[in-house]
Amino acid sequence: MRKQTMQNHDRKPALRPGLLGALLLACILVFTGCSKDAPVNGTVSAAGGDVTLVIGAYSVAKDAMADILPKFQQEWKEKTGQTVKFQESYEASGTQARAIAGGFEADVTLLAMEGDVDKLVSAGLIDKDWKTKHPDQGMVTRSIVVLGTREGNPLGIKDFKDLTKPGVKVLYPNPKTSGGAQWDINAIYGAGLKASEQQGHKDPAAAKAFLEQVHKNVESLDKSGRASMAAFEYGVGDVIVTYENELLARIQQGVKYDVVIPENTILIENPAAVVDAFAKKHGTTKVAEAFVKYLWSKEAQEIFAAHGFRPVDDEVLKANASKYPVPKGLFDINYLGGWDEVRSTLYSKRGVWYQVLAGI
C-alpha cells in the first residue's frame, strides 16, 4: 500500500472520532486501495466559523479542480464571511464510487459517468432525484473519446479501424475500475455499430467483432484514465484511446502528441452531485450545494474549457467552438440504448466485454 497524502487547501484539518475505522475500511476494500491522493480522514470539521468540504472526484478532473477550488473559496468568503477548506481525493471513477459507498465520507463527488453516481444512489447516499436539482441533468462537463498518437502520427492513425491493424499497440484503461474506460469501450463498440449500419441495420455481432479486433492490440489495461496516460507518456504503446481533454491538457503543458478525432465517436458527459447523506451528517449541505451549483457558473465553465473539457454552458462553448470541432458521426449514450442497456449488454457478468476478455 502506498503512503497516503492529502490534497488540502490552507490548513491541516482536525481529525474526528471514527477516523481510524473509516480509513481502515477504505483501505481494505479490494477495489479502493489507498491512493496517494486520498485524504487522511475523509471528514469535515468546523471551527472558528470555518467549514471543510471533502471532494471525492475521478482522476481526470484533478487539474481543473486545482483552479476551481480557490475561486469558489474566494467567492464563498465574500458572500458569507466563512472560510471553506477542502480535502480532496482523486481516483479512477469506479474506484472512487466504491470508496464512497464503502465509507469514504465525501460531501461532493465528480465522477466520469452517470452510472457511478447511480451506485451511490443505490447505496442510499445520494438522493434519487439528483439529476433534477441541477442544469443539464447533473452533467457538469463534456468531452469526446479521441485517439492520441506520438508526435507526427507516425503510424498514420485516422480512425478506430486503424487500431485493428497488425502491430499497432493500443492503450486504454480497465472498465472494471475506470469510468473513462467504459466511455472508451462504448465509443469503439458504437463505432462498430455505426459501421454496420452501412449494411442496412445495427448489428451488435459486428460491433462486438470490431471491439475484439481492437482489444487484441491492447498493450495494457490500467486502473484509470490518468494512469493510462502516464503509461503512454512513459513510452508504452503507439495509440491511446482517451478523453479529448486529457490530451489537450497535456499538449498545453508542452507534451508533443497528435489528437485524432474519429469520424464516429461518443459524447462523454460527466456528472457532479452532493453526497446528500454525508453532507447532512457533517452539516455541510448548504455549502456543498453551493459548490456544486458553482460548477455550472461561467467562471467554472471557462476553467473547465481551459483544461480541455467541452463546457455545458452554451455561451462558453460558443466562445470555444474553434477548439472543439464536432465529429460527423458523433453519438451519445442513447445511441447505445442508455446506461441501463449498456450496463446490461456490455458490462454484465456475461456481457460483451466479458466475452471479449474471455475470447468467447
Protein backbone atom coordinates (compact mmCIF):
# COMPACT_ATOMS: atom_id res chain seq x y z
CA MET A 1 0.00 0.00 0.00
CA ARG A 2 1.37 3.34 -0.97
CA LYS A 3 1.78 6.10 1.54
CA GLN A 4 -1.26 8.34 1.83
CA THR A 5 -1.03 12.06 1.41
CA MET A 6 -3.73 14.69 1.46
CA GLN A 7 -4.65 17.36 -1.03
CA ASN A 8 -5.54 20.23 1.28
CA HIS A 9 -6.06 23.97 0.94
CA ASP A 10 -4.94 26.32 3.70
CA ARG A 11 -4.93 24.18 6.82
CA LYS A 12 -4.35 20.83 8.49
CA PRO A 13 -7.86 19.71 9.39
CA ALA A 14 -8.73 18.27 12.75
CA LEU A 15 -9.41 14.56 12.99
CA ARG A 16 -12.75 13.42 14.31
CA PRO A 17 -13.90 10.25 16.11
CA GLY A 18 -14.38 7.28 13.84
CA LEU A 19 -11.50 8.25 11.58
CA LEU A 20 -9.47 5.09 12.09
CA GLY A 21 -12.37 2.79 11.34
CA ALA A 22 -13.35 4.70 8.21
CA LEU A 23 -9.77 4.78 6.99
CA LEU A 24 -9.22 1.07 7.58
CA LEU A 25 -12.46 0.27 5.82
CA ALA A 26 -11.47 2.31 2.80
CA CYS A 27 -8.04 0.69 2.73
CA ILE A 28 -9.18 -2.92 2.86
CA LEU A 29 -11.72 -2.60 0.08
CA VAL A 30 -10.36 -4.60 -2.79
CA PHE A 31 -11.01 -2.00 -5.46
CA THR A 32 -10.48 1.17 -3.50
CA GLY A 33 -6.99 0.74 -2.11
CA CYS A 34 -5.18 3.69 -0.53
CA SER A 35 -4.29 6.34 -3.07
CA LYS A 36 -1.66 8.95 -2.51
CA ASP A 37 -4.38 11.50 -3.22
CA ALA A 38 -6.85 10.20 -0.64
CA PRO A 39 -7.45 12.44 2.37
CA VAL A 40 -6.27 11.18 5.73
CA ASN A 41 -9.69 11.41 7.28
CA GLY A 42 -12.45 11.90 4.75
CA THR A 43 -14.32 14.02 7.28
CA VAL A 44 -15.36 17.57 7.83
CA SER A 45 -14.88 19.84 10.78
CA ALA A 46 -15.99 23.31 11.70
CA ALA A 47 -14.04 25.61 13.97
CA GLY A 48 -13.98 29.36 14.22
CA GLY A 49 -16.60 29.65 11.50
CA ASP A 50 -14.56 27.62 9.01
CA VAL A 51 -16.07 24.69 7.13
CA THR A 52 -14.36 21.79 5.39
CA LEU A 53 -15.69 20.11 2.27
CA VAL A 54 -14.43 16.69 1.25
CA ILE A 55 -14.27 16.25 -2.52
CA GLY A 56 -14.21 12.72 -3.95
CA ALA A 57 -13.56 13.01 -7.69
CA TYR A 58 -12.39 11.00 -10.64
CA SER A 59 -8.73 11.38 -11.52
CA VAL A 60 -9.13 13.30 -14.79
CA ALA A 61 -10.83 16.23 -13.00
CA LYS A 62 -7.84 16.91 -10.75
CA ASP A 63 -6.11 19.65 -12.75
CA ALA A 64 -9.27 21.68 -13.36
CA MET A 65 -10.26 21.39 -9.71
CA ALA A 66 -6.91 22.86 -8.68
CA ASP A 67 -8.05 26.12 -10.31
CA ILE A 68 -11.74 25.91 -9.41
CA LEU A 69 -11.45 25.34 -5.66
CA PRO A 70 -9.64 28.61 -4.84
CA LYS A 71 -12.14 30.56 -6.98
CA PHE A 72 -15.09 29.14 -5.09
CA GLN A 73 -13.25 29.62 -1.81
CA GLN A 74 -12.89 33.33 -2.56
CA GLU A 75 -16.48 33.72 -3.74
CA TRP A 76 -17.90 31.97 -0.66
CA LYS A 77 -15.75 34.08 1.66
CA GLU A 78 -17.01 37.29 0.03
CA LYS A 79 -20.66 36.19 0.19
CA THR A 80 -20.76 34.69 3.68
CA GLY A 81 -17.58 35.62 5.51
CA GLN A 82 -16.95 31.90 6.01
CA THR A 83 -13.70 30.22 5.03
CA VAL A 84 -14.05 26.94 3.13
CA LYS A 85 -11.27 24.39 3.42
CA PHE A 86 -11.01 21.39 1.11
CA GLN A 87 -9.85 17.84 1.39
CA GLU A 88 -9.55 16.14 -2.00
CA SER A 89 -9.36 12.57 -3.20
CA TYR A 90 -8.78 11.68 -6.87
CA GLU A 91 -9.19 8.12 -8.10
CA ALA A 92 -10.49 6.17 -11.05
CA SER A 93 -14.21 6.87 -11.20
CA GLY A 94 -15.40 3.36 -10.39
CA THR A 95 -12.86 3.08 -7.59
CA GLN A 96 -13.95 6.43 -6.17
CA ALA A 97 -17.62 5.48 -6.26
CA ARG A 98 -16.89 2.22 -4.44
CA ALA A 99 -14.80 4.06 -1.85
CA ILE A 100 -17.64 6.48 -1.10
CA ALA A 101 -20.17 3.63 -0.96
CA GLY A 102 -17.77 1.78 1.36
CA GLY A 103 -17.36 4.57 3.90
CA PHE A 104 -15.22 7.39 2.48
CA GLU A 105 -17.35 10.34 3.61
CA ALA A 106 -17.14 12.72 0.66
CA ASP A 107 -19.54 15.67 0.69
CA VAL A 108 -19.33 16.27 -3.07
CA THR A 109 -18.42 13.94 -5.91
CA LEU A 110 -17.45 14.47 -9.53
CA LEU A 111 -17.42 11.22 -11.47
CA ALA A 112 -16.79 10.08 -15.01
CA MET A 113 -20.27 8.82 -15.74
CA GLU A 114 -23.83 8.73 -14.54
CA GLY A 115 -23.63 5.03 -13.71
CA ASP A 116 -21.11 5.66 -10.95
CA VAL A 117 -23.44 8.21 -9.34
CA ASP A 118 -26.22 5.63 -9.62
CA LYS A 119 -24.14 3.32 -7.42
CA LEU A 120 -24.27 5.96 -4.69
CA VAL A 121 -28.00 6.42 -5.21
CA SER A 122 -28.42 2.66 -4.76
CA ALA A 123 -26.31 2.86 -1.59
CA GLY A 124 -28.71 5.47 -0.19
CA LEU A 125 -26.07 8.22 -0.18
CA ILE A 126 -27.35 10.46 -2.98
CA ASP A 127 -31.00 11.44 -3.45
CA LYS A 128 -32.62 9.62 -6.35
CA ASP A 129 -33.76 12.93 -7.88
CA TRP A 130 -30.21 14.32 -8.04
CA LYS A 131 -30.38 14.92 -11.79
CA THR A 132 -33.37 17.24 -11.49
CA LYS A 133 -31.61 19.50 -8.97
CA HIS A 134 -29.09 20.89 -11.44
CA PRO A 135 -28.84 22.14 -15.03
CA ASP A 136 -28.05 19.72 -17.83
CA GLN A 137 -29.39 16.76 -15.88
CA GLY A 138 -26.46 16.98 -13.47
CA MET A 139 -23.78 16.82 -16.17
CA VAL A 140 -21.14 19.45 -15.48
CA THR A 141 -18.64 18.82 -18.30
CA ARG A 142 -18.50 17.09 -21.65
CA SER A 143 -15.77 15.61 -23.79
CA ILE A 144 -15.42 13.07 -26.59
CA VAL A 145 -13.38 9.91 -26.98
CA VAL A 146 -10.38 10.53 -29.23
CA LEU A 147 -7.10 8.89 -30.20
CA GLY A 148 -3.73 10.18 -29.13
CA THR A 149 -0.62 9.33 -31.14
CA ARG A 150 3.07 10.12 -30.92
CA GLU A 151 4.11 13.44 -32.44
CA GLY A 152 3.65 13.46 -36.19
CA ASN A 153 1.29 10.45 -36.07
CA PRO A 154 4.00 8.09 -37.43
CA LEU A 155 1.58 5.18 -37.99
CA GLY A 156 -0.93 7.32 -39.90
CA ILE A 157 -3.81 6.65 -37.50
CA LYS A 158 -7.05 8.20 -38.79
CA ASP A 159 -9.90 6.30 -37.13
CA PHE A 160 -10.80 3.47 -34.77
CA LYS A 161 -10.45 0.94 -37.60
CA ASP A 162 -6.72 1.69 -37.74
CA LEU A 163 -6.41 0.28 -34.22
CA THR A 164 -7.10 -3.19 -35.63
CA LYS A 165 -4.01 -3.20 -37.86
CA PRO A 166 -1.26 -5.72 -37.03
CA GLY A 167 1.49 -4.30 -34.84
CA VAL A 168 -0.43 -1.24 -33.60
CA LYS A 169 -0.09 -1.14 -29.80
CA VAL A 170 -3.17 0.35 -28.15
CA LEU A 171 -3.77 1.67 -24.63
CA TYR A 172 -6.98 2.19 -22.71
CA PRO A 173 -7.79 1.59 -19.03
CA ASN A 174 -9.74 -1.19 -17.38
CA PRO A 175 -13.53 -0.65 -17.43
CA LYS A 176 -13.87 -2.57 -14.16
CA THR A 177 -12.22 0.32 -12.34
CA SER A 178 -12.36 3.26 -14.74
CA GLY A 179 -15.40 5.16 -15.93
CA GLY A 180 -13.20 6.62 -18.63
CA ALA A 181 -12.51 3.12 -19.90
CA GLN A 182 -16.21 2.45 -20.20
CA TRP A 183 -16.54 5.56 -22.33
CA ASP A 184 -13.64 4.27 -24.45
CA ILE A 185 -15.24 0.84 -24.87
CA ASN A 186 -18.61 2.44 -25.59
CA ALA A 187 -17.02 4.59 -28.29
CA ILE A 188 -15.33 1.64 -30.02
CA TYR A 189 -18.41 -0.57 -29.78
CA GLY A 190 -20.61 2.30 -31.01
CA ALA A 191 -18.26 2.95 -33.93
CA GLY A 192 -18.68 -0.72 -34.82
CA LEU A 193 -22.45 -0.30 -34.74
CA LYS A 194 -22.21 2.80 -36.93
CA ALA A 195 -20.10 0.88 -39.47
CA SER A 196 -22.61 -1.98 -39.50
CA GLU A 197 -25.40 0.45 -40.38
CA GLN A 198 -23.76 0.90 -43.75
CA GLN A 199 -25.02 -2.63 -44.43
CA GLY A 200 -28.56 -1.57 -43.62
CA HIS A 201 -29.04 -2.05 -39.87
CA LYS A 202 -27.31 -2.00 -36.49
CA ASP A 203 -25.53 -5.30 -35.98
CA PRO A 204 -24.39 -5.97 -32.38
CA ALA A 205 -22.44 -9.02 -33.51
CA ALA A 206 -20.42 -6.89 -35.94
CA ALA A 207 -19.83 -4.29 -33.20
CA LYS A 208 -18.60 -6.99 -30.84
CA ALA A 209 -16.27 -8.37 -33.51
CA PHE A 210 -14.87 -4.89 -34.09
CA LEU A 211 -14.24 -4.41 -30.35
CA GLU A 212 -12.49 -7.80 -30.26
CA GLN A 213 -10.20 -6.79 -33.12
CA VAL A 214 -9.20 -3.59 -31.34
CA HIS A 215 -8.75 -5.32 -27.99
CA LYS A 216 -6.34 -7.85 -29.47
CA ASN A 217 -3.91 -4.96 -29.93
CA VAL A 218 -4.26 -3.57 -26.40
CA GLU A 219 -0.89 -3.36 -24.67
CA SER A 220 -2.11 -2.91 -21.08
CA LEU A 221 -5.22 -2.16 -19.02
CA ASP A 222 -4.51 0.48 -16.37
CA LYS A 223 -6.83 1.28 -13.48
CA SER A 224 -7.70 4.84 -14.57
CA GLY A 225 -7.57 7.22 -17.49
CA ARG A 226 -4.85 9.21 -15.76
CA ALA A 227 -2.78 6.04 -15.15
CA SER A 228 -3.21 5.06 -18.80
CA MET A 229 -1.97 8.49 -19.87
CA ALA A 230 1.03 8.17 -17.55
CA ALA A 231 1.91 4.84 -19.15
CA PHE A 232 1.63 6.38 -22.61
CA GLU A 233 3.91 9.22 -21.59
CA TYR A 234 6.38 6.67 -20.26
CA GLY A 235 6.55 5.24 -23.77
CA VAL A 236 4.09 2.36 -23.64
CA GLY A 237 2.00 1.85 -26.78
CA ASP A 238 1.53 3.64 -30.08
CA VAL A 239 -2.02 4.96 -29.65
CA ILE A 240 -4.08 5.84 -26.58
CA VAL A 241 -7.88 5.83 -26.54
CA THR A 242 -8.82 8.55 -24.10
CA TYR A 243 -10.74 11.70 -23.28
CA GLU A 244 -10.08 14.63 -25.59
CA ASN A 245 -9.49 16.84 -22.54
CA GLU A 246 -6.70 14.59 -21.26
CA LEU A 247 -4.71 15.04 -24.44
CA LEU A 248 -5.41 18.75 -24.76
CA ALA A 249 -4.30 19.33 -21.18
CA ARG A 250 -1.03 17.51 -21.75
CA ILE A 251 -0.40 19.32 -25.03
CA GLN A 252 -0.92 22.64 -23.21
CA GLN A 253 1.82 21.56 -20.82
CA GLY A 254 4.23 21.07 -23.68
CA VAL A 255 3.93 17.34 -24.35
CA LYS A 256 4.08 16.57 -28.07
CA TYR A 257 1.09 14.48 -29.15
CA ASP A 258 -1.26 14.44 -32.11
CA VAL A 259 -5.01 14.28 -31.47
CA VAL A 260 -7.05 12.18 -33.91
CA ILE A 261 -10.83 12.66 -33.77
CA PRO A 262 -12.62 9.59 -35.15
CA GLU A 263 -15.50 10.21 -37.54
CA ASN A 264 -17.80 8.14 -35.30
CA THR A 265 -17.21 8.64 -31.59
CA ILE A 266 -19.18 9.15 -28.39
CA LEU A 267 -20.10 12.28 -26.47
CA ILE A 268 -18.85 11.96 -22.90
CA GLU A 269 -20.93 13.54 -20.13
CA ASN A 270 -19.54 13.85 -16.60
CA PRO A 271 -21.78 14.38 -13.54
CA ALA A 272 -21.34 16.20 -10.26
CA ALA A 273 -23.51 15.76 -7.18
CA VAL A 274 -23.78 16.39 -3.47
CA VAL A 275 -23.38 13.19 -1.47
CA ASP A 276 -26.51 14.04 0.50
CA ALA A 277 -26.19 11.55 3.34
CA PHE A 278 -22.66 12.59 4.26
CA ALA A 279 -23.24 16.31 3.73
CA LYS A 280 -26.26 16.13 6.01
CA LYS A 281 -24.28 14.16 8.60
CA HIS A 282 -21.48 16.75 8.54
CA GLY A 283 -23.74 19.80 8.45
CA THR A 284 -22.26 20.92 5.14
CA THR A 285 -25.30 20.62 2.88
CA LYS A 286 -25.61 24.38 2.25
CA VAL A 287 -22.00 24.91 1.20
CA ALA A 288 -21.88 21.59 -0.69
CA GLU A 289 -24.93 22.54 -2.75
CA ALA A 290 -23.46 25.99 -3.38
CA PHE A 291 -20.20 24.46 -4.56
CA VAL A 292 -21.89 22.05 -6.96
CA LYS A 293 -24.04 24.92 -8.28
CA TYR A 294 -20.86 26.95 -8.80
CA LEU A 295 -19.54 24.29 -11.17
CA TRP A 296 -22.16 25.46 -13.70
CA SER A 297 -21.14 29.12 -13.37
CA LYS A 298 -19.47 30.79 -16.35
CA GLU A 299 -16.29 31.21 -14.33
CA ALA A 300 -16.04 27.49 -13.54
CA GLN A 301 -17.10 26.51 -17.06
CA GLU A 302 -14.35 28.70 -18.51
CA ILE A 303 -11.84 26.94 -16.27
CA PHE A 304 -13.09 23.56 -17.45
CA ALA A 305 -12.78 24.76 -21.05
CA ALA A 306 -9.22 25.93 -20.40
CA HIS A 307 -8.41 22.41 -19.21
CA GLY A 308 -9.74 20.78 -22.37
CA PHE A 309 -13.29 19.92 -21.32
CA ARG A 310 -16.20 20.80 -23.58
CA PRO A 311 -18.29 23.16 -21.44
CA VAL A 312 -22.01 22.62 -20.92
CA ASP A 313 -22.63 26.37 -20.79
CA ASP A 314 -23.74 27.40 -24.29
CA GLU A 315 -22.02 30.80 -24.25
CA VAL A 316 -18.71 29.37 -23.06
CA LEU A 317 -18.98 26.55 -25.60
CA LYS A 318 -19.67 29.04 -28.41
CA ALA A 319 -16.63 31.08 -27.40
CA ASN A 320 -14.51 27.93 -27.65
CA ALA A 321 -16.15 26.47 -30.77
CA SER A 322 -12.96 26.50 -32.85
CA LYS A 323 -11.21 24.46 -30.18
CA TYR A 324 -13.87 21.76 -30.13
CA PRO A 325 -14.91 20.56 -33.61
CA VAL A 326 -17.96 18.29 -33.76
CA PRO A 327 -17.28 14.91 -35.43
CA LYS A 328 -19.61 14.00 -38.28
CA GLY A 329 -20.82 10.79 -36.63
CA LEU A 330 -20.91 11.97 -33.00
CA PHE A 331 -23.37 9.92 -30.93
CA ASP A 332 -24.33 9.85 -27.27
CA ILE A 333 -25.12 7.09 -24.79
CA ASN A 334 -28.71 6.92 -26.03
CA TYR A 335 -27.48 5.58 -29.37
CA LEU A 336 -26.40 2.50 -27.40
CA GLY A 337 -29.74 2.32 -25.60
CA GLY A 338 -28.90 4.36 -22.50
CA TRP A 339 -26.85 3.42 -19.45
CA ASP A 340 -29.16 0.66 -18.22
CA GLU A 341 -28.93 -1.08 -21.58
CA VAL A 342 -25.17 -0.53 -21.79
CA ARG A 343 -24.56 -1.96 -18.32
CA SER A 344 -26.67 -4.99 -19.19
CA THR A 345 -25.35 -5.54 -22.71
CA LEU A 346 -21.69 -4.65 -22.33
CA TYR A 347 -20.66 -4.88 -18.68
CA SER A 348 -22.78 -7.56 -17.05
CA LYS A 349 -21.17 -10.83 -15.96
CA ARG A 350 -21.94 -12.40 -19.33
CA GLY A 351 -21.95 -9.21 -21.36
CA VAL A 352 -20.00 -8.25 -24.45
CA TRP A 353 -16.95 -7.02 -22.53
CA TYR A 354 -16.77 -10.25 -20.53
CA GLN A 355 -16.99 -12.23 -23.74
CA VAL A 356 -14.24 -10.17 -25.38
CA LEU A 357 -11.91 -10.73 -22.41
CA ALA A 358 -12.74 -14.43 -22.31
CA GLY A 359 -12.37 -14.84 -26.05
CA ILE A 360 -15.86 -16.28 -26.49
